[in-house]
Amino acid sequence: MPPCITERAILVVSREWTQQVEWQMHSARISDETYRRAVAAFGEQGLVELLGVNGYYVLVAALMNGARTAPAGAAFEALRRFPD
């Protein structure tokens, strides 16, 4: 999934759920035009599916971070935070 699509999904989800912290971390409002373009690109069903995937992996990431789940092997380099 391209990062710009992921970012838009995060914005849509945080706004729908009125999640102020997530919203502020990911900045600008999604315009009606952007929403229309997303529906045009993915269809309403595709957009709903994208939101579902996003929501599921937000949950998985939060659970794994909270449980301090480590990678299976030492072969993986630790992910660094995205630059601000």
Protein backbone atom coordinates (compact mmCIF):
# COMPACT_ATOMS: atom_id res chain seq x y z
CA MET A 1 0.00 0.00 0.00
CA PRO A 2 1.52 3.38 -0.93
CA PRO A 3 2.29 5.55 2.13
CA CYS A 4 0.00 8.34 0.90
CA ILE A 5 -2.96 5.94 0.85
CA THR A 6 -2.10 4.66 4.32
CA GLU A 7 -1.86 8.21 5.63
CA ARG A 8 -5.26 9.06 4.22
CA ALA A 9 -6.73 5.97 5.83
CA ILE A 10 -5.29 7.01 9.20
CA LEU A 11 -6.83 10.46 8.82
CA VAL A 12 -10.24 9.11 7.89
CA VAL A 13 -10.26 6.66 10.80
CA SER A 14 -9.04 9.18 13.38
CA ARG A 15 -11.63 11.72 12.27
CA GLU A 16 -14.48 9.25 12.19
CA TRP A 17 -13.61 8.09 15.70
CA THR A 18 -12.92 11.67 16.86
CA GLN A 19 -9.43 10.61 17.95
CA GLN A 20 -7.86 14.02 18.55
CA VAL A 21 -4.28 12.86 19.25
CA GLU A 22 -4.07 10.68 16.15
CA TRP A 23 -5.72 13.43 14.10
CA GLN A 24 -3.22 16.08 15.24
CA MET A 25 -0.28 13.73 14.67
CA HIS A 26 -1.37 13.21 11.08
CA SER A 27 -2.34 16.83 10.35
CA ALA A 28 -4.71 18.22 7.78
CA ARG A 29 -8.41 17.63 7.27
CA ILE A 30 -9.46 15.36 4.46
CA SER A 31 -11.45 17.44 2.06
CA ASP A 32 -14.66 16.30 0.46
CA GLU A 33 -12.74 16.23 -2.83
CA THR A 34 -10.14 13.83 -1.39
CA TYR A 35 -12.90 11.60 -0.07
CA ARG A 36 -14.58 11.64 -3.49
CA ARG A 37 -11.26 10.77 -5.15
CA ALA A 38 -10.72 7.88 -2.72
CA VAL A 39 -14.18 6.54 -3.49
CA ALA A 40 -13.48 7.01 -7.20
CA ALA A 41 -10.18 5.14 -6.90
CA PHE A 42 -11.32 2.30 -4.66
CA GLY A 43 -15.12 2.40 -4.75
CA GLU A 44 -17.12 2.64 -1.56
CA GLN A 45 -16.63 -1.05 -0.82
CA GLY A 46 -12.88 -0.78 -1.45
CA LEU A 47 -12.61 2.26 0.81
CA VAL A 48 -14.49 0.44 3.57
CA GLU A 49 -12.14 -2.54 3.15
CA LEU A 50 -9.11 -0.23 3.30
CA LEU A 51 -10.44 1.29 6.51
CA GLY A 52 -10.98 -2.19 7.91
CA VAL A 53 -7.42 -3.25 7.11
CA ASN A 54 -6.10 -0.03 8.63
CA GLY A 55 -8.16 -0.47 11.79
CA TYR A 56 -7.12 -4.09 12.20
CA TYR A 57 -3.41 -3.33 11.90
CA VAL A 58 -3.69 -0.37 14.28
CA LEU A 59 -5.11 -2.84 16.81
CA VAL A 60 -2.40 -5.44 16.10
CA ALA A 61 0.38 -2.86 16.38
CA ALA A 62 -0.97 -1.48 19.66
CA LEU A 63 -1.31 -4.97 21.14
CA MET A 64 2.14 -6.07 20.02
CA ASN A 65 3.77 -2.85 21.24
CA GLY A 66 1.96 -3.11 24.57
CA ALA A 67 3.01 -6.73 24.98
CA ARG A 68 6.58 -5.86 23.92
CA THR A 69 6.48 -8.53 21.22
CA ALA A 70 9.95 -9.02 19.77
CA PRO A 71 10.80 -10.20 16.25
CA ALA A 72 11.25 -13.96 15.89
CA GLY A 73 14.92 -13.71 14.96
CA ALA A 74 17.81 -11.36 15.40
CA ALA A 75 18.17 -11.09 11.61
CA PHE A 76 15.85 -8.08 11.52
CA GLU A 77 17.10 -4.59 12.16
CA ALA A 78 14.88 -2.65 14.55
CA LEU A 79 12.53 -0.19 12.85
CA ARG A 80 13.32 3.44 13.45
CA ARG A 81 10.68 6.09 13.95
CA PHE A 82 9.64 8.01 10.86
CA PRO A 83 11.24 11.44 10.68
CA ASP A 84 9.07 14.29 11.90
